[in-house]
C-alpha atoms as a PDB file:
ATOM      1  CA  MET A   1      51.576 -80.009   7.448  1.00  0.00           C
ATOM      2  CA  PRO A   2      54.228 -82.176   9.019  1.00  0.00           C
ATOM      3  CA  MET A   3      52.939 -84.730  11.718  1.00  0.00           C
ATOM      4  CA  LEU A   4      54.682 -84.613  15.152  1.00  0.00           C
ATOM      5  CA  SER A   5      56.317 -87.876  16.266  1.00  0.00           C
ATOM      6  CA  PRO A   6      55.448 -89.098  19.965  1.00  0.00           C
ATOM      7  CA  SER A   7      59.065 -88.234  20.776  1.00  0.00           C
ATOM      8  CA  ARG A   8      58.561 -84.316  19.764  1.00  0.00           C
ATOM      9  CA  ILE A   9      55.653 -84.351  21.688  1.00  0.00           C
ATOM     10  CA  ALA A  10      57.119 -85.811  24.709  1.00  0.00           C
ATOM     11  CA  LYS A  11      60.096 -83.289  24.459  1.00  0.00           C
ATOM     12  CA  ALA A  12      57.966 -80.301  23.769  1.00  0.00           C
ATOM     13  CA  SER A  13      55.665 -81.640  27.150  1.00  0.00           C
ATOM     14  CA  VAL A  14      58.654 -81.619  29.093  1.00  0.00           C
ATOM     15  CA  ALA A  15      59.873 -78.257  28.466  1.00  0.00           C
ATOM     16  CA  VAL A  16      56.336 -76.638  28.982  1.00  0.00           C
ATOM     17  CA  VAL A  17      56.455 -78.437  32.320  1.00  0.00           C
ATOM     18  CA  ALA A  18      60.059 -77.116  33.000  1.00  0.00           C
ATOM     19  CA  ALA A  19      59.307 -73.787  32.239  1.00  0.00           C
ATOM     20  CA  LEU A  20      56.189 -73.753  34.483  1.00  0.00           C
ATOM     21  CA  ALA A  21      58.223 -75.110  37.472  1.00  0.00           C
ATOM     22  CA  THR A  22      60.810 -72.542  37.003  1.00  0.00           C
ATOM     23  CA  SER A  23      58.379 -69.731  37.022  1.00  0.00           C
ATOM     24  CA  LEU A  24      56.492 -71.074  40.361  1.00  0.00           C
ATOM     25  CA  ALA A  25      59.979 -71.163  41.744  1.00  0.00           C
ATOM     26  CA  LEU A  26      60.540 -67.647  41.047  1.00  0.00           C
ATOM     27  CA  ALA A  27      57.035 -66.430  42.448  1.00  0.00           C
ATOM     28  CA  HIS A  28      57.079 -63.411  44.842  1.00  0.00           C
ATOM     29  CA  PRO A  29      55.845 -64.256  48.383  1.00  0.00           C
ATOM     30  CA  LYS A  30      52.319 -63.308  48.523  1.00  0.00           C
ATOM     31  CA  LEU A  31      50.709 -62.280  52.158  1.00  0.00           C
ATOM     32  CA  ILE A  32      47.865 -65.257  52.852  1.00  0.00           C
ATOM     33  CA  SER A  33      46.569 -64.331  55.983  1.00  0.00           C
ATOM     34  CA  ALA A  34      47.026 -62.057  58.964  1.00  0.00           C
ATOM     35  CA  ASN A  35      46.274 -62.146  62.668  1.00  0.00           C
ATOM     36  CA  PRO A  36      44.904 -59.871  63.742  1.00  0.00           C
ATOM     37  CA  ALA A  37      43.168 -59.474  59.983  1.00  0.00           C
ATOM     38  CA  ASP A  38      43.493 -56.141  57.954  1.00  0.00           C
ATOM     39  CA  LYS A  39      40.762 -53.769  58.709  1.00  0.00           C
ATOM     40  CA  SER A  40      39.698 -55.847  61.681  1.00  0.00           C
ATOM     41  CA  VAL A  41      38.532 -54.320  65.343  1.00  0.00           C
ATOM     42  CA  GLY A  42      39.391 -56.270  68.553  1.00  0.00           C
ATOM     43  CA  PRO A  43      41.226 -56.287  71.544  1.00  0.00           C
ATOM     44  CA  ALA A  44      44.878 -55.726  71.331  1.00  0.00           C
ATOM     45  CA  PRO A  45      46.913 -58.690  70.236  1.00  0.00           C
ATOM     46  CA  THR A  46      50.001 -59.624  71.801  1.00  0.00           C
ATOM     47  CA  GLU A  47      51.634 -60.424  68.623  1.00  0.00           C
ATOM     48  CA  ILE A  48      50.841 -59.574  65.087  1.00  0.00           C
ATOM     49  CA  ALA A  49      51.408 -62.682  62.547  1.00  0.00           C
ATOM     50  CA  LEU A  50      51.792 -62.313  58.695  1.00  0.00           C
ATOM     51  CA  HIS A  51      51.410 -65.547  57.169  1.00  0.00           C
ATOM     52  CA  PHE A  52      53.223 -65.931  53.610  1.00  0.00           C
ATOM     53  CA  SER A  53      52.919 -68.533  50.924  1.00  0.00           C
ATOM     54  CA  GLU A  54      56.818 -69.184  50.877  1.00  0.00           C
ATOM     55  CA  LYS A  55      59.476 -69.055  52.867  1.00  0.00           C
ATOM     56  CA  LEU A  56      61.158 -65.924  53.498  1.00  0.00           C
ATOM     57  CA  VAL A  57      64.923 -64.855  53.830  1.00  0.00           C
ATOM     58  CA  ALA A  58      64.693 -63.459  57.064  1.00  0.00           C
ATOM     59  CA  GLN A  59      67.735 -61.180  57.225  1.00  0.00           C
ATOM     60  CA  PHE A  60      65.986 -59.225  54.378  1.00  0.00           C
ATOM     61  CA  CYS A  61      62.322 -58.926  55.937  1.00  0.00           C
ATOM     62  CA  ASN A  62      61.436 -56.038  58.416  1.00  0.00           C
ATOM     63  CA  ALA A  63      58.160 -54.565  59.509  1.00  0.00           C
ATOM     64  CA  THR A  64      57.177 -51.501  61.671  1.00  0.00           C
ATOM     65  CA  LEU A  65      54.331 -51.282  63.958  1.00  0.00           C
ATOM     66  CA  VAL A  66      52.698 -47.519  63.760  1.00  0.00           C
ATOM     67  CA  MET A  67      49.764 -45.876  65.865  1.00  0.00           C
ATOM     68  CA  ALA A  68      48.000 -43.515  64.056  1.00  0.00           C
ATOM     69  CA  ALA A  69      47.108 -40.519  66.394  1.00  0.00           C
ATOM     70  CA  ALA A  70      45.502 -36.933  65.832  1.00  0.00           C
ATOM     71  CA  SER A  71      49.607 -35.492  66.082  1.00  0.00           C
ATOM     72  CA  GLY A  72      50.725 -38.053  63.698  1.00  0.00           C
ATOM     73  CA  PRO A  73      51.862 -41.403  63.224  1.00  0.00           C
ATOM     74  CA  THR A  74      53.887 -42.794  65.998  1.00  0.00           C
ATOM     75  CA  ASN A  75      56.386 -45.783  65.849  1.00  0.00           C
ATOM     76  CA  ILE A  76      55.748 -48.455  68.418  1.00  0.00           C
ATOM     77  CA  ALA A  77      58.663 -50.391  69.537  1.00  0.00           C
ATOM     78  CA  ALA A  78      58.460 -53.896  68.756  1.00  0.00           C
ATOM     79  CA  LYS A  79      60.519 -56.983  67.924  1.00  0.00           C
ATOM     80  CA  VAL A  80      60.361 -58.559  64.606  1.00  0.00           C
ATOM     81  CA  ALA A  81      61.001 -62.349  64.063  1.00  0.00           C
ATOM     82  CA  THR A  82      60.436 -65.284  61.389  1.00  0.00           C
ATOM     83  CA  SER A  83      58.723 -68.550  62.574  1.00  0.00           C
ATOM     84  CA  SER A  84      60.898 -71.667  62.117  1.00  0.00           C
ATOM     85  CA  ASP A  85      59.371 -72.948  58.914  1.00  0.00           C
ATOM     86  CA  GLY A  86      60.218 -69.017  57.598  1.00  0.00           C
ATOM     87  CA  LYS A  87      56.663 -68.371  56.186  1.00  0.00           C
ATOM     88  CA  THR A  88      55.581 -66.075  59.101  1.00  0.00           C
ATOM     89  CA  LEU A  89      56.808 -62.801  60.015  1.00  0.00           C
ATOM     90  CA  THR A  90      55.466 -61.811  63.723  1.00  0.00           C
ATOM     91  CA  VAL A  91      55.908 -58.306  65.170  1.00  0.00           C
ATOM     92  CA  LEU A  92      55.922 -58.450  68.753  1.00  0.00           C
ATOM     93  CA  PRO A  93      54.901 -55.138  70.357  1.00  0.00           C
ATOM     94  CA  ALA A  94      57.284 -54.193  73.721  1.00  0.00           C
ATOM     95  CA  GLN A  95      53.947 -52.771  75.387  1.00  0.00           C
ATOM     96  CA  PRO A  96      50.402 -53.558  75.627  1.00  0.00           C
ATOM     97  CA  LEU A  97      48.902 -51.905  72.821  1.00  0.00           C
ATOM     98  CA  ALA A  98      46.512 -49.065  73.674  1.00  0.00           C
ATOM     99  CA  PRO A  99      43.130 -48.293  72.366  1.00  0.00           C
ATOM    100  CA  GLY A 100      43.397 -46.663  68.847  1.00  0.00           C
ATOM    101  CA  ALA A 101      44.334 -47.443  65.280  1.00  0.00           C
ATOM    102  CA  TYR A 102      47.394 -49.010  63.978  1.00  0.00           C
ATOM    103  CA  ARG A 103      49.145 -50.127  61.063  1.00  0.00           C
ATOM    104  CA  VAL A 104      52.012 -52.728  60.284  1.00  0.00           C
ATOM    105  CA  ASP A 105      54.153 -51.605  57.021  1.00  0.00           C
ATOM    106  CA  TRP A 106      56.088 -54.625  56.037  1.00  0.00           C
ATOM    107  CA  HIS A 107      58.196 -55.948  53.218  1.00  0.00           C
ATOM    108  CA  VAL A 108      59.892 -59.379  52.856  1.00  0.00           C
ATOM    109  CA  VAL A 109      62.042 -61.260  50.541  1.00  0.00           C
ATOM    110  CA  ALA A 110      62.099 -64.677  49.599  1.00  0.00           C
ATOM    111  CA  ALA A 111      64.109 -66.867  47.244  1.00  0.00           C
ATOM    112  CA  ASP A 112      63.954 -65.044  43.989  1.00  0.00           C
ATOM    113  CA  THR A 113      65.310 -61.918  46.013  1.00  0.00           C
ATOM    114  CA  HIS A 114      62.468 -59.649  45.127  1.00  0.00           C
ATOM    115  CA  ARG A 115      61.321 -57.168  47.677  1.00  0.00           C
ATOM    116  CA  VAL A 116      57.571 -57.345  48.215  1.00  0.00           C
ATOM    117  CA  GLY A 117      55.780 -54.731  50.634  1.00  0.00           C
ATOM    118  CA  GLY A 118      52.621 -53.779  51.918  1.00  0.00           C
ATOM    119  CA  THR A 119      50.356 -52.516  55.039  1.00  0.00           C
ATOM    120  CA  LEU A 120      48.377 -54.277  57.226  1.00  0.00           C
ATOM    121  CA  ALA A 121      45.731 -52.033  59.233  1.00  0.00           C
ATOM    122  CA  PHE A 122      43.845 -52.856  62.225  1.00  0.00           C
ATOM    123  CA  GLN A 123      41.876 -51.186  65.355  1.00  0.00           C
ATOM    124  CA  VAL A 124      42.364 -52.002  69.031  1.00  0.00           C
ATOM    125  CA  LYS A 125      39.189 -51.311  71.352  1.00  0.00           C
END
């Protein structure tokens, strides 16, 4: 078996590091935390904040606030915005939230251009 020279080992190391850096750059945004938290019960929030692992592309991100009702789900008017650092998607209800079960259906896009979505559920006392 041939011996690897130090220069070949160095070149291989650089290639591995470059490949890892590229794969990290192409990672999809992940929801790190939310306020209110998923499945939480508490007072009506004035805003719902979703915090992500990387900067979002604001024009491709959106969320819908929905109240679960016996007659079926009802969309709640809300403004959606991204933070100045681009890592937080905020949902601002147009009216105070009444007691009940709510969910936020969200989708975001980061630099890798892949759309990622999810649902956050919470209850207002």
